[in-house]
Each structure stands twice: as C-alpha cells, then as structure tokens.
N, C-alpha and C. Protein backbone atom coordinates (compact mmCIF):
# COMPACT_ATOMS: atom_id res chain seq x y z
N MET A 1 35.26 49.63 -117.37
CA MET A 1 35.93 50.70 -116.67
C MET A 1 34.94 51.37 -115.71
N PHE A 2 35.43 51.68 -114.53
CA PHE A 2 34.57 52.29 -113.52
C PHE A 2 34.54 53.80 -113.69
N ILE A 3 33.33 54.34 -113.77
CA ILE A 3 33.13 55.79 -113.78
C ILE A 3 32.17 56.10 -112.64
N ALA A 4 32.64 56.89 -111.68
CA ALA A 4 31.82 57.20 -110.51
C ALA A 4 30.63 58.08 -110.91
N PRO A 5 29.44 57.74 -110.43
CA PRO A 5 28.26 58.57 -110.69
C PRO A 5 28.42 59.96 -110.09
N LEU A 6 27.74 60.93 -110.67
CA LEU A 6 27.89 62.33 -110.25
C LEU A 6 26.88 62.79 -109.22
N SER A 7 25.91 61.94 -108.88
CA SER A 7 24.93 62.31 -107.87
C SER A 7 24.43 61.07 -107.15
N THR A 8 23.80 61.30 -106.02
CA THR A 8 23.24 60.19 -105.25
C THR A 8 22.19 59.44 -106.06
N ASP A 9 21.31 60.18 -106.72
CA ASP A 9 20.25 59.53 -107.50
C ASP A 9 20.81 58.68 -108.63
N LEU A 10 21.82 59.20 -109.33
CA LEU A 10 22.44 58.44 -110.42
C LEU A 10 23.14 57.19 -109.87
N LEU A 11 23.79 57.34 -108.74
CA LEU A 11 24.47 56.21 -108.12
C LEU A 11 23.48 55.11 -107.77
N LEU A 12 22.40 55.48 -107.12
CA LEU A 12 21.41 54.48 -106.71
C LEU A 12 20.71 53.86 -107.91
N SER A 13 20.48 54.64 -108.94
CA SER A 13 19.89 54.10 -110.18
C SER A 13 20.83 53.10 -110.83
N GLU A 14 22.11 53.45 -110.86
CA GLU A 14 23.09 52.54 -111.45
C GLU A 14 23.20 51.25 -110.64
N ALA A 15 23.15 51.36 -109.33
CA ALA A 15 23.21 50.18 -108.47
C ALA A 15 22.02 49.27 -108.74
N GLU A 16 20.84 49.87 -108.88
CA GLU A 16 19.64 49.07 -109.18
C GLU A 16 19.73 48.43 -110.56
N ALA A 17 20.15 49.21 -111.55
CA ALA A 17 20.24 48.70 -112.93
C ALA A 17 21.26 47.57 -113.04
N SER A 18 22.30 47.62 -112.21
CA SER A 18 23.34 46.59 -112.22
C SER A 18 22.99 45.40 -111.34
N ASN A 19 21.83 45.44 -110.73
CA ASN A 19 21.40 44.40 -109.78
C ASN A 19 22.39 44.28 -108.61
N LEU A 20 22.95 45.41 -108.20
CA LEU A 20 23.89 45.42 -107.08
C LEU A 20 23.38 46.25 -105.91
N TYR A 21 22.16 46.72 -105.99
CA TYR A 21 21.61 47.57 -104.94
C TYR A 21 21.58 46.85 -103.59
N LEU A 22 21.19 45.59 -103.58
CA LEU A 22 21.12 44.84 -102.32
C LEU A 22 22.51 44.66 -101.73
N LYS A 23 23.50 44.46 -102.60
CA LYS A 23 24.88 44.34 -102.11
C LYS A 23 25.37 45.68 -101.56
N LEU A 24 24.91 46.78 -102.14
CA LEU A 24 25.26 48.10 -101.64
C LEU A 24 24.70 48.30 -100.23
N ILE A 25 23.45 47.93 -100.03
CA ILE A 25 22.84 48.04 -98.69
C ILE A 25 23.61 47.17 -97.70
N THR A 26 23.96 45.96 -98.11
CA THR A 26 24.69 45.04 -97.24
C THR A 26 26.05 45.64 -96.86
N GLN A 27 26.73 46.24 -97.82
CA GLN A 27 28.04 46.86 -97.56
C GLN A 27 27.91 48.03 -96.60
N ILE A 28 26.89 48.85 -96.80
CA ILE A 28 26.66 49.99 -95.90
C ILE A 28 26.42 49.49 -94.47
N ASN A 29 25.52 48.51 -94.33
CA ASN A 29 25.24 47.95 -93.00
C ASN A 29 26.52 47.41 -92.37
N LYS A 30 27.31 46.68 -93.14
CA LYS A 30 28.53 46.06 -92.63
C LYS A 30 29.51 47.11 -92.12
N ASP A 31 29.77 48.15 -92.92
CA ASP A 31 30.76 49.15 -92.53
C ASP A 31 30.29 50.01 -91.36
N PHE A 32 29.01 50.37 -91.34
CA PHE A 32 28.50 51.15 -90.22
C PHE A 32 28.59 50.33 -88.93
N ASN A 33 28.23 49.07 -88.99
CA ASN A 33 28.30 48.23 -87.80
C ASN A 33 29.74 48.00 -87.37
N PHE A 34 30.65 47.88 -88.34
CA PHE A 34 32.07 47.73 -88.03
C PHE A 34 32.60 48.96 -87.31
N ALA A 35 32.04 50.12 -87.64
CA ALA A 35 32.44 51.38 -86.99
C ALA A 35 31.66 51.62 -85.69
N ASN A 36 30.92 50.63 -85.23
CA ASN A 36 30.11 50.72 -84.01
C ASN A 36 29.04 51.79 -84.08
N GLU A 37 28.53 52.02 -85.27
CA GLU A 37 27.40 52.93 -85.48
C GLU A 37 26.26 52.09 -86.04
N ALA A 38 25.60 51.37 -85.15
CA ALA A 38 24.60 50.40 -85.55
C ALA A 38 23.59 51.00 -86.53
N ILE A 39 23.49 50.35 -87.65
CA ILE A 39 22.51 50.73 -88.66
C ILE A 39 22.12 49.42 -89.32
N ASP A 40 20.86 49.25 -89.59
CA ASP A 40 20.42 48.00 -90.19
C ASP A 40 19.33 48.29 -91.20
N PHE A 41 19.75 48.66 -92.40
CA PHE A 41 18.78 48.88 -93.46
C PHE A 41 18.29 47.53 -93.95
N PRO A 42 16.97 47.29 -93.89
CA PRO A 42 16.45 46.05 -94.46
C PRO A 42 16.72 46.05 -95.97
N LEU A 43 16.87 44.87 -96.54
CA LEU A 43 17.11 44.78 -97.98
C LEU A 43 15.93 45.31 -98.79
N SER A 44 14.80 45.48 -98.13
CA SER A 44 13.61 46.01 -98.81
C SER A 44 13.60 47.55 -98.83
N THR A 45 14.63 48.18 -98.26
CA THR A 45 14.69 49.64 -98.21
C THR A 45 14.77 50.22 -99.62
N SER A 46 13.89 51.15 -99.92
CA SER A 46 13.90 51.77 -101.25
C SER A 46 15.05 52.78 -101.32
N PRO A 47 15.48 53.11 -102.52
CA PRO A 47 16.55 54.12 -102.65
C PRO A 47 16.20 55.45 -101.99
N ASP A 48 14.95 55.88 -102.11
CA ASP A 48 14.55 57.14 -101.47
C ASP A 48 14.63 57.05 -99.95
N GLU A 49 14.17 55.93 -99.39
CA GLU A 49 14.25 55.74 -97.94
C GLU A 49 15.71 55.68 -97.49
N LEU A 50 16.54 55.01 -98.28
CA LEU A 50 17.96 54.90 -97.95
C LEU A 50 18.59 56.29 -97.88
N LYS A 51 18.31 57.12 -98.88
CA LYS A 51 18.86 58.48 -98.91
C LYS A 51 18.43 59.26 -97.68
N ILE A 52 17.16 59.22 -97.36
CA ILE A 52 16.63 59.99 -96.22
C ILE A 52 17.25 59.52 -94.90
N GLN A 53 17.22 58.22 -94.68
CA GLN A 53 17.70 57.68 -93.40
C GLN A 53 19.21 57.82 -93.25
N LEU A 54 19.94 57.63 -94.34
CA LEU A 54 21.39 57.77 -94.28
C LEU A 54 21.77 59.24 -94.05
N HIS A 55 21.07 60.13 -94.70
CA HIS A 55 21.30 61.57 -94.51
C HIS A 55 21.06 61.95 -93.04
N GLU A 56 19.97 61.47 -92.46
CA GLU A 56 19.66 61.76 -91.06
C GLU A 56 20.74 61.21 -90.13
N LYS A 57 21.20 59.99 -90.42
CA LYS A 57 22.23 59.36 -89.58
C LYS A 57 23.52 60.16 -89.62
N ILE A 58 23.94 60.58 -90.81
CA ILE A 58 25.17 61.37 -90.94
C ILE A 58 25.01 62.71 -90.22
N TYR A 59 23.87 63.35 -90.40
CA TYR A 59 23.60 64.63 -89.74
C TYR A 59 23.72 64.50 -88.22
N ARG A 60 23.10 63.44 -87.68
CA ARG A 60 23.16 63.23 -86.23
C ARG A 60 24.59 62.96 -85.75
N LEU A 61 25.34 62.21 -86.55
CA LEU A 61 26.72 61.92 -86.16
C LEU A 61 27.57 63.20 -86.15
N ILE A 62 27.43 64.02 -87.18
CA ILE A 62 28.21 65.26 -87.24
C ILE A 62 27.84 66.16 -86.06
N ASN A 63 26.55 66.24 -85.75
CA ASN A 63 26.07 67.12 -84.69
C ASN A 63 26.38 66.63 -83.29
N ASN A 64 26.23 65.32 -83.07
CA ASN A 64 26.25 64.80 -81.71
C ASN A 64 27.42 63.88 -81.36
N LYS A 65 28.02 63.24 -82.37
CA LYS A 65 29.06 62.25 -82.11
C LYS A 65 30.18 62.42 -83.13
N PHE A 66 30.85 63.55 -83.08
CA PHE A 66 31.82 63.89 -84.12
C PHE A 66 32.97 62.88 -84.21
N ALA A 67 33.45 62.40 -83.08
CA ALA A 67 34.54 61.41 -83.09
C ALA A 67 34.08 60.12 -83.78
N SER A 68 32.84 59.72 -83.53
CA SER A 68 32.28 58.53 -84.18
C SER A 68 32.13 58.75 -85.69
N TYR A 69 31.76 59.97 -86.06
CA TYR A 69 31.64 60.34 -87.46
C TYR A 69 33.00 60.21 -88.16
N LEU A 70 34.05 60.73 -87.52
CA LEU A 70 35.39 60.63 -88.11
C LEU A 70 35.84 59.18 -88.21
N ASN A 71 35.53 58.40 -87.19
CA ASN A 71 35.87 56.97 -87.22
C ASN A 71 35.15 56.27 -88.37
N LEU A 72 33.89 56.61 -88.57
CA LEU A 72 33.11 56.01 -89.66
C LEU A 72 33.75 56.33 -91.01
N LEU A 73 34.13 57.58 -91.21
CA LEU A 73 34.77 57.97 -92.48
C LEU A 73 36.06 57.18 -92.69
N TYR A 74 36.80 56.96 -91.61
CA TYR A 74 38.04 56.19 -91.67
C TYR A 74 37.75 54.73 -92.04
N ILE A 75 36.77 54.14 -91.38
CA ILE A 75 36.41 52.74 -91.63
C ILE A 75 35.96 52.55 -93.08
N ILE A 76 35.13 53.45 -93.56
CA ILE A 76 34.61 53.34 -94.93
C ILE A 76 35.69 53.70 -95.94
N ASP A 77 36.68 54.48 -95.52
CA ASP A 77 37.79 54.91 -96.36
C ASP A 77 37.37 56.01 -97.32
N VAL A 78 36.65 57.00 -96.78
CA VAL A 78 36.28 58.18 -97.56
C VAL A 78 37.51 59.08 -97.61
N SER A 79 37.79 59.61 -98.78
CA SER A 79 38.97 60.44 -99.00
C SER A 79 38.95 61.67 -98.10
N GLU A 80 40.02 61.83 -97.32
CA GLU A 80 40.14 63.00 -96.44
C GLU A 80 40.20 64.28 -97.28
N GLU A 81 40.84 64.19 -98.43
CA GLU A 81 40.94 65.35 -99.33
C GLU A 81 39.56 65.80 -99.79
N GLN A 82 38.69 64.85 -100.13
CA GLN A 82 37.34 65.20 -100.56
C GLN A 82 36.54 65.83 -99.42
N ILE A 83 36.70 65.32 -98.23
CA ILE A 83 35.99 65.86 -97.06
C ILE A 83 36.45 67.29 -96.80
N ARG A 84 37.73 67.55 -96.93
CA ARG A 84 38.26 68.89 -96.67
C ARG A 84 37.74 69.92 -97.67
N LYS A 85 37.38 69.48 -98.86
CA LYS A 85 36.89 70.40 -99.89
C LYS A 85 35.45 70.86 -99.64
N LEU A 86 34.75 70.18 -98.74
CA LEU A 86 33.35 70.51 -98.49
C LEU A 86 33.20 71.76 -97.64
N ASP A 87 32.13 72.49 -97.88
CA ASP A 87 31.82 73.69 -97.11
C ASP A 87 30.99 73.27 -95.89
N GLY A 88 31.53 73.51 -94.71
CA GLY A 88 30.85 73.06 -93.49
C GLY A 88 29.93 74.09 -92.88
N SER A 89 29.62 75.17 -93.59
CA SER A 89 28.81 76.23 -92.98
C SER A 89 27.34 75.84 -92.81
N ASP A 90 26.84 74.92 -93.61
CA ASP A 90 25.46 74.46 -93.52
C ASP A 90 25.48 72.96 -93.24
N LEU A 91 25.15 72.57 -92.01
CA LEU A 91 25.27 71.16 -91.62
C LEU A 91 24.34 70.24 -92.40
N VAL A 92 23.18 70.73 -92.80
CA VAL A 92 22.26 69.90 -93.58
C VAL A 92 22.89 69.59 -94.94
N LEU A 93 23.41 70.61 -95.58
CA LEU A 93 24.06 70.42 -96.88
C LEU A 93 25.33 69.60 -96.73
N LEU A 94 26.11 69.86 -95.70
CA LEU A 94 27.33 69.10 -95.46
C LEU A 94 27.03 67.62 -95.29
N SER A 95 26.02 67.30 -94.49
CA SER A 95 25.70 65.89 -94.25
C SER A 95 25.20 65.22 -95.52
N GLU A 96 24.53 65.97 -96.38
CA GLU A 96 24.09 65.43 -97.66
C GLU A 96 25.29 65.13 -98.57
N GLU A 97 26.25 66.03 -98.59
CA GLU A 97 27.45 65.83 -99.41
C GLU A 97 28.29 64.68 -98.88
N VAL A 98 28.41 64.56 -97.57
CA VAL A 98 29.15 63.46 -96.96
C VAL A 98 28.44 62.14 -97.25
N MET A 99 27.11 62.15 -97.19
CA MET A 99 26.34 60.95 -97.52
C MET A 99 26.69 60.48 -98.93
N PHE A 100 26.77 61.41 -99.88
CA PHE A 100 27.12 61.05 -101.25
C PHE A 100 28.53 60.46 -101.32
N LEU A 101 29.48 61.06 -100.61
CA LEU A 101 30.84 60.52 -100.62
C LEU A 101 30.89 59.11 -100.02
N ILE A 102 30.11 58.89 -98.96
CA ILE A 102 30.04 57.56 -98.36
C ILE A 102 29.42 56.57 -99.34
N LEU A 103 28.29 56.96 -99.93
CA LEU A 103 27.65 56.07 -100.91
C LEU A 103 28.58 55.78 -102.08
N LYS A 104 29.29 56.79 -102.54
CA LYS A 104 30.19 56.60 -103.67
C LYS A 104 31.30 55.61 -103.32
N ARG A 105 31.87 55.75 -102.12
CA ARG A 105 32.95 54.84 -101.70
C ARG A 105 32.42 53.41 -101.53
N GLU A 106 31.23 53.28 -100.95
CA GLU A 106 30.64 51.96 -100.79
C GLU A 106 30.32 51.35 -102.15
N TRP A 107 29.86 52.17 -103.08
CA TRP A 107 29.53 51.70 -104.43
C TRP A 107 30.79 51.20 -105.13
N ILE A 108 31.89 51.92 -104.97
CA ILE A 108 33.16 51.49 -105.57
C ILE A 108 33.54 50.11 -105.06
N LYS A 109 33.41 49.91 -103.76
CA LYS A 109 33.75 48.60 -103.17
C LYS A 109 32.88 47.49 -103.78
N VAL A 110 31.57 47.74 -103.83
CA VAL A 110 30.64 46.72 -104.35
C VAL A 110 30.89 46.46 -105.83
N TRP A 111 31.07 47.52 -106.60
CA TRP A 111 31.26 47.39 -108.04
C TRP A 111 32.52 46.60 -108.36
N PHE A 112 33.64 46.97 -107.72
CA PHE A 112 34.89 46.26 -107.98
C PHE A 112 34.83 44.81 -107.53
N ARG A 113 34.23 44.56 -106.40
CA ARG A 113 34.10 43.18 -105.93
C ARG A 113 33.29 42.36 -106.92
N ASN A 114 32.25 42.95 -107.46
CA ASN A 114 31.42 42.26 -108.44
C ASN A 114 32.19 42.02 -109.75
N GLN A 115 32.97 43.00 -110.18
CA GLN A 115 33.71 42.88 -111.45
C GLN A 115 34.83 41.85 -111.38
N TYR A 116 35.49 41.77 -110.23
CA TYR A 116 36.72 40.98 -110.16
C TYR A 116 36.65 39.81 -109.19
N GLN A 117 35.45 39.30 -108.97
CA GLN A 117 35.36 38.14 -108.07
C GLN A 117 35.64 36.85 -108.81
C-alpha cells in the first residue's frame, strides 16, 4: 500500500532505500523537459543537491515565468487543490512547498510504475 512521505527528506530517503532514486530523477527530468523547462539532473545528483537545485528552479519559475510554472504543474499533475491551500506570502517558502508537492507527485508515479509493471 502506498503511503505518501510527509517531508522532502523522508521522500528522498524512501526513494533511495527502495532503489528508485535514479528513476525519480529520470521522471523529474522527463516531465520538466516535456513542459519545456529544460532541466537535466545527472543521475549522480545527491538528494541534497536535488533539493537545492529543484527549489531554485521552482523559485525562478514562480518569480519570472509564472505561465511556465503553471504549465509545469499541469504536466506533472500536481493537485490544484493542494496548490490553493499554500500560503503565497513568502515566495521562498512557497517554492519549497511546491517543490515537495512536485516531488511527491513524481514519487507516486515512480512507485506505482515499479509496483505494477
């Protein structure tokens, strides 16, 4: 049974423990590129580097390319309801929370694909 992790660190730890971390990176790269937001995390990217770089990318999108940001959320299939619940008063915090929602959605895709292939 799938239980979504409650934090970014727990999610990344679970991905590593399940030997699915590389597939998670691949899925992130695929969906970002599909949304025309070129990102290419090498498979050697550590979880800490992934968090930092993904957070920066989301922050830049929210600040500078809002339409592209919305398109990315649509492509990845992040719940609109979850996005609406976030407090947008602090962009740094908002981008961190959105990063977690993106990672969680990507993790769900990878986990289910692995379970039911």
